[in-house]
């Protein structure tokens, strides 16, 4: 999974498998049948990323009420994700895209070398991308209301 593409709304989401903060395998195709949200972010314990993930935590009741599977993805290590999640009591799984291959396939390319763009992809129960928000500079985080609204729309 190393070629660069750009996942667009209406396309089938590329399958991938990554390790989470508990060093468990997480595979996108294992979650067919439910809406999946991919939250790409530049890095653990950075100011904007920490605010973004803590905002998701603070709105977790709204996210979980949708029934969607919500995961965060960055190039940080499994160990870094484990510490970040514990430090901020994050309820969502954080996936390690160490080489950035998944981010490249999804077109989550940052202007900051070696980092992924702050991006959101909402994938419907059939594996089709229904919402895409890619922010190459990443200074501003997506609004939770917009993501939750996109989840509800993807649910039909």
C-alpha atoms as a PDB file:
ATOM      1  CA  UNK A   1       0.000   0.000   0.000  1.00  0.00           C
ATOM      2  CA  UNK A   2       2.579   2.570  -1.035  1.00  0.00           C
ATOM      3  CA  UNK A   3       1.239   4.332  -4.111  1.00  0.00           C
ATOM      4  CA  UNK A   4      -0.085   7.835  -3.610  1.00  0.00           C
ATOM      5  CA  UNK A   5      -3.723   8.386  -4.527  1.00  0.00           C
ATOM      6  CA  UNK A   6      -6.578  10.443  -3.251  1.00  0.00           C
ATOM      7  CA  UNK A   7      -9.667   8.831  -1.795  1.00  0.00           C
ATOM      8  CA  UNK A   8     -12.660  10.764  -3.036  1.00  0.00           C
ATOM      9  CA  UNK A   9     -16.310  10.849  -2.029  1.00  0.00           C
ATOM     10  CA  UNK A  10     -18.199   8.086  -3.844  1.00  0.00           C
ATOM     11  CA  UNK A  11     -15.185   5.785  -4.143  1.00  0.00           C
ATOM     12  CA  UNK A  12     -14.799   2.499  -2.312  1.00  0.00           C
ATOM     13  CA  UNK A  13     -12.446   3.008   0.634  1.00  0.00           C
ATOM     14  CA  UNK A  14      -9.100   1.224   0.298  1.00  0.00           C
ATOM     15  CA  UNK A  15      -8.765  -1.588   2.800  1.00  0.00           C
ATOM     16  CA  UNK A  16      -5.870  -1.509   5.263  1.00  0.00           C
ATOM     17  CA  UNK A  17      -4.662  -3.057   8.473  1.00  0.00           C
ATOM     18  CA  UNK A  18      -2.804  -1.169  11.228  1.00  0.00           C
ATOM     19  CA  UNK A  19      -1.766  -1.784  14.854  1.00  0.00           C
ATOM     20  CA  UNK A  20      -3.461   0.138  17.652  1.00  0.00           C
ATOM     21  CA  UNK A  21      -2.161   1.438  20.979  1.00  0.00           C
ATOM     22  CA  UNK A  22      -2.708  -1.991  22.550  1.00  0.00           C
ATOM     23  CA  UNK A  23      -0.628  -3.524  19.709  1.00  0.00           C
ATOM     24  CA  UNK A  24      -3.751  -5.215  18.331  1.00  0.00           C
ATOM     25  CA  UNK A  25      -4.468  -5.459  14.613  1.00  0.00           C
ATOM     26  CA  UNK A  26      -7.316  -3.294  13.268  1.00  0.00           C
ATOM     27  CA  UNK A  27      -8.544  -3.929   9.713  1.00  0.00           C
ATOM     28  CA  UNK A  28     -11.003  -1.658   7.911  1.00  0.00           C
ATOM     29  CA  UNK A  29     -12.843  -4.472   6.112  1.00  0.00           C
ATOM     30  CA  UNK A  30     -13.597  -6.142   9.464  1.00  0.00           C
ATOM     31  CA  UNK A  31     -15.974  -3.246  10.124  1.00  0.00           C
ATOM     32  CA  UNK A  32     -18.158  -3.541   7.025  1.00  0.00           C
ATOM     33  CA  UNK A  33     -21.791  -3.210   7.925  1.00  0.00           C
ATOM     34  CA  UNK A  34     -21.252  -0.116  10.065  1.00  0.00           C
ATOM     35  CA  UNK A  35     -20.116   3.433   9.441  1.00  0.00           C
ATOM     36  CA  UNK A  36     -16.385   3.987  10.042  1.00  0.00           C
ATOM     37  CA  UNK A  37     -14.711   7.334  10.718  1.00  0.00           C
ATOM     38  CA  UNK A  38     -10.994   7.756  10.022  1.00  0.00           C
ATOM     39  CA  UNK A  39      -9.528  10.753  11.873  1.00  0.00           C
ATOM     40  CA  UNK A  40      -6.016  11.319  10.498  1.00  0.00           C
ATOM     41  CA  UNK A  41      -3.961  13.680  12.659  1.00  0.00           C
ATOM     42  CA  UNK A  42      -0.314  14.856  12.561  1.00  0.00           C
ATOM     43  CA  UNK A  43       0.917  13.665  15.955  1.00  0.00           C
ATOM     44  CA  UNK A  44       0.389  12.668  19.568  1.00  0.00           C
ATOM     45  CA  UNK A  45       0.843  15.295  22.303  1.00  0.00           C
ATOM     46  CA  UNK A  46       0.955  18.231  19.886  1.00  0.00           C
ATOM     47  CA  UNK A  47      -1.244  21.232  20.764  1.00  0.00           C
ATOM     48  CA  UNK A  48      -3.885  21.112  18.027  1.00  0.00           C
ATOM     49  CA  UNK A  49      -3.981  17.295  17.879  1.00  0.00           C
ATOM     50  CA  UNK A  50      -4.405  17.043  21.628  1.00  0.00           C
ATOM     51  CA  UNK A  51      -7.273  19.559  21.507  1.00  0.00           C
ATOM     52  CA  UNK A  52      -8.840  17.612  18.628  1.00  0.00           C
ATOM     53  CA  UNK A  53      -8.665  14.218  20.322  1.00  0.00           C
ATOM     54  CA  UNK A  54      -9.812  15.641  23.677  1.00  0.00           C
ATOM     55  CA  UNK A  55     -12.746  17.273  21.900  1.00  0.00           C
ATOM     56  CA  UNK A  56     -13.698  13.870  20.451  1.00  0.00           C
ATOM     57  CA  UNK A  57     -13.367  12.443  23.981  1.00  0.00           C
ATOM     58  CA  UNK A  58     -15.579  15.181  25.408  1.00  0.00           C
ATOM     59  CA  UNK A  59     -18.226  14.517  22.725  1.00  0.00           C
ATOM     60  CA  UNK A  60     -17.800  10.722  22.891  1.00  0.00           C
ATOM     61  CA  UNK A  61     -21.404  10.235  23.991  1.00  0.00           C
ATOM     62  CA  UNK A  62     -22.568  11.878  20.749  1.00  0.00           C
ATOM     63  CA  UNK A  63     -20.118   9.868  18.642  1.00  0.00           C
ATOM     64  CA  UNK A  64     -20.933   6.539  20.262  1.00  0.00           C
ATOM     65  CA  UNK A  65     -24.685   7.227  20.003  1.00  0.00           C
ATOM     66  CA  UNK A  66     -24.290   7.027  16.210  1.00  0.00           C
ATOM     67  CA  UNK A  67     -22.917   3.478  16.438  1.00  0.00           C
ATOM     68  CA  UNK A  68     -20.016   4.399  14.149  1.00  0.00           C
ATOM     69  CA  UNK A  69     -16.526   2.978  14.611  1.00  0.00           C
ATOM     70  CA  UNK A  70     -14.274   6.021  15.161  1.00  0.00           C
ATOM     71  CA  UNK A  71     -10.480   5.666  14.978  1.00  0.00           C
ATOM     72  CA  UNK A  72      -7.582   8.099  15.029  1.00  0.00           C
ATOM     73  CA  UNK A  73      -4.588   7.560  12.730  1.00  0.00           C
ATOM     74  CA  UNK A  74      -1.123   9.125  12.786  1.00  0.00           C
ATOM     75  CA  UNK A  75       2.443   8.130  11.989  1.00  0.00           C
ATOM     76  CA  UNK A  76       3.273   7.878  15.694  1.00  0.00           C
ATOM     77  CA  UNK A  77       4.251   4.501  17.148  1.00  0.00           C
ATOM     78  CA  UNK A  78       2.014   2.016  18.936  1.00  0.00           C
ATOM     79  CA  UNK A  79       3.762   2.915  22.205  1.00  0.00           C
ATOM     80  CA  UNK A  80       3.255   6.641  21.629  1.00  0.00           C
ATOM     81  CA  UNK A  81      -0.473   6.047  21.003  1.00  0.00           C
ATOM     82  CA  UNK A  82      -0.764   3.970  24.167  1.00  0.00           C
ATOM     83  CA  UNK A  83       0.773   6.768  26.271  1.00  0.00           C
ATOM     84  CA  UNK A  84      -1.213   9.522  24.516  1.00  0.00           C
ATOM     85  CA  UNK A  85      -4.534   7.688  25.012  1.00  0.00           C
ATOM     86  CA  UNK A  86      -3.750   6.978  28.679  1.00  0.00           C
ATOM     87  CA  UNK A  87      -2.568  10.541  29.370  1.00  0.00           C
ATOM     88  CA  UNK A  88      -5.778  12.080  28.005  1.00  0.00           C
ATOM     89  CA  UNK A  89      -8.214   9.231  28.764  1.00  0.00           C
ATOM     90  CA  UNK A  90      -9.091   8.885  25.060  1.00  0.00           C
ATOM     91  CA  UNK A  91     -11.909   6.407  24.339  1.00  0.00           C
ATOM     92  CA  UNK A  92     -11.158   5.880  20.657  1.00  0.00           C
ATOM     93  CA  UNK A  93      -8.608   3.518  19.125  1.00  0.00           C
ATOM     94  CA  UNK A  94      -5.454   5.172  17.826  1.00  0.00           C
ATOM     95  CA  UNK A  95      -3.826   3.417  14.879  1.00  0.00           C
ATOM     96  CA  UNK A  96      -0.143   3.593  13.982  1.00  0.00           C
ATOM     97  CA  UNK A  97       0.524   4.327  10.302  1.00  0.00           C
ATOM     98  CA  UNK A  98       4.286   4.382  10.956  1.00  0.00           C
ATOM     99  CA  UNK A  99       5.403   4.717   7.334  1.00  0.00           C
ATOM    100  CA  UNK A 100       2.459   6.879   6.307  1.00  0.00           C
ATOM    101  CA  UNK A 101       1.319   4.386   3.658  1.00  0.00           C
ATOM    102  CA  UNK A 102      -2.367   4.538   4.565  1.00  0.00           C
ATOM    103  CA  UNK A 103      -2.307   8.337   4.698  1.00  0.00           C
ATOM    104  CA  UNK A 104      -0.746   8.418   1.212  1.00  0.00           C
ATOM    105  CA  UNK A 105      -3.402   6.112  -0.228  1.00  0.00           C
ATOM    106  CA  UNK A 106      -6.145   8.290   1.248  1.00  0.00           C
ATOM    107  CA  UNK A 107      -4.503  11.523   0.072  1.00  0.00           C
ATOM    108  CA  UNK A 108      -4.008  12.796   3.636  1.00  0.00           C
ATOM    109  CA  UNK A 109      -0.813  14.621   2.664  1.00  0.00           C
ATOM    110  CA  UNK A 110       0.456  17.329   4.967  1.00  0.00           C
ATOM    111  CA  UNK A 111       2.552  20.326   4.040  1.00  0.00           C
ATOM    112  CA  UNK A 112       4.706  19.344   7.046  1.00  0.00           C
ATOM    113  CA  UNK A 113       7.264  16.725   5.950  1.00  0.00           C
ATOM    114  CA  UNK A 114       6.784  13.308   7.557  1.00  0.00           C
ATOM    115  CA  UNK A 115       3.339  14.137   8.947  1.00  0.00           C
ATOM    116  CA  UNK A 116      -0.172  13.338   7.782  1.00  0.00           C
ATOM    117  CA  UNK A 117      -2.750  16.001   7.052  1.00  0.00           C
ATOM    118  CA  UNK A 118      -5.476  16.522   9.601  1.00  0.00           C
ATOM    119  CA  UNK A 119      -8.258  14.725   7.728  1.00  0.00           C
ATOM    120  CA  UNK A 120     -11.618  13.076   8.225  1.00  0.00           C
ATOM    121  CA  UNK A 121     -13.072  10.292   6.097  1.00  0.00           C
ATOM    122  CA  UNK A 122     -16.528   8.905   6.815  1.00  0.00           C
ATOM    123  CA  UNK A 123     -17.104   5.516   5.196  1.00  0.00           C
ATOM    124  CA  UNK A 124     -20.593   4.045   4.955  1.00  0.00           C
ATOM    125  CA  UNK A 125     -21.628   0.488   5.860  1.00  0.00           C
ATOM    126  CA  UNK A 126     -20.928  -0.648   2.270  1.00  0.00           C
ATOM    127  CA  UNK A 127     -17.354   0.671   2.335  1.00  0.00           C
ATOM    128  CA  UNK A 128     -18.001   3.809   0.251  1.00  0.00           C
ATOM    129  CA  UNK A 129     -16.486   7.161   1.233  1.00  0.00           C
ATOM    130  CA  UNK A 130     -19.346   9.564   1.988  1.00  0.00           C
ATOM    131  CA  UNK A 131     -17.438  12.492   3.528  1.00  0.00           C
ATOM    132  CA  UNK A 132     -13.916  13.824   3.053  1.00  0.00           C
ATOM    133  CA  UNK A 133     -12.223  16.781   4.757  1.00  0.00           C
ATOM    134  CA  UNK A 134      -8.453  17.080   4.183  1.00  0.00           C
ATOM    135  CA  UNK A 135      -6.542  19.986   5.758  1.00  0.00           C
ATOM    136  CA  UNK A 136      -2.909  19.951   4.474  1.00  0.00           C
ATOM    137  CA  UNK A 137      -1.752  22.691   6.846  1.00  0.00           C
ATOM    138  CA  UNK A 138      -3.650  21.274   9.806  1.00  0.00           C
ATOM    139  CA  UNK A 139      -3.799  24.381  11.972  1.00  0.00           C
ATOM    140  CA  UNK A 140      -7.550  24.094  12.442  1.00  0.00           C
ATOM    141  CA  UNK A 141      -9.293  20.960  13.564  1.00  0.00           C
ATOM    142  CA  UNK A 142     -12.574  19.687  12.121  1.00  0.00           C
ATOM    143  CA  UNK A 143     -15.708  20.528  14.081  1.00  0.00           C
ATOM    144  CA  UNK A 144     -17.268  17.614  15.931  1.00  0.00           C
ATOM    145  CA  UNK A 145     -20.738  18.710  14.801  1.00  0.00           C
ATOM    146  CA  UNK A 146     -19.661  18.409  11.145  1.00  0.00           C
ATOM    147  CA  UNK A 147     -18.214  14.924  11.666  1.00  0.00           C
ATOM    148  CA  UNK A 148     -21.244  13.708  13.632  1.00  0.00           C
ATOM    149  CA  UNK A 149     -23.521  15.173  10.941  1.00  0.00           C
ATOM    150  CA  UNK A 150     -21.523  13.366   8.235  1.00  0.00           C
ATOM    151  CA  UNK A 151     -21.866  10.094  10.177  1.00  0.00           C
ATOM    152  CA  UNK A 152     -25.638  10.521  10.330  1.00  0.00           C
ATOM    153  CA  UNK A 153     -25.801  11.298   6.605  1.00  0.00           C
ATOM    154  CA  UNK A 154     -23.712   8.209   5.801  1.00  0.00           C
ATOM    155  CA  UNK A 155     -26.189   6.143   7.788  1.00  0.00           C
ATOM    156  CA  UNK A 156     -28.945   7.309   5.438  1.00  0.00           C
END
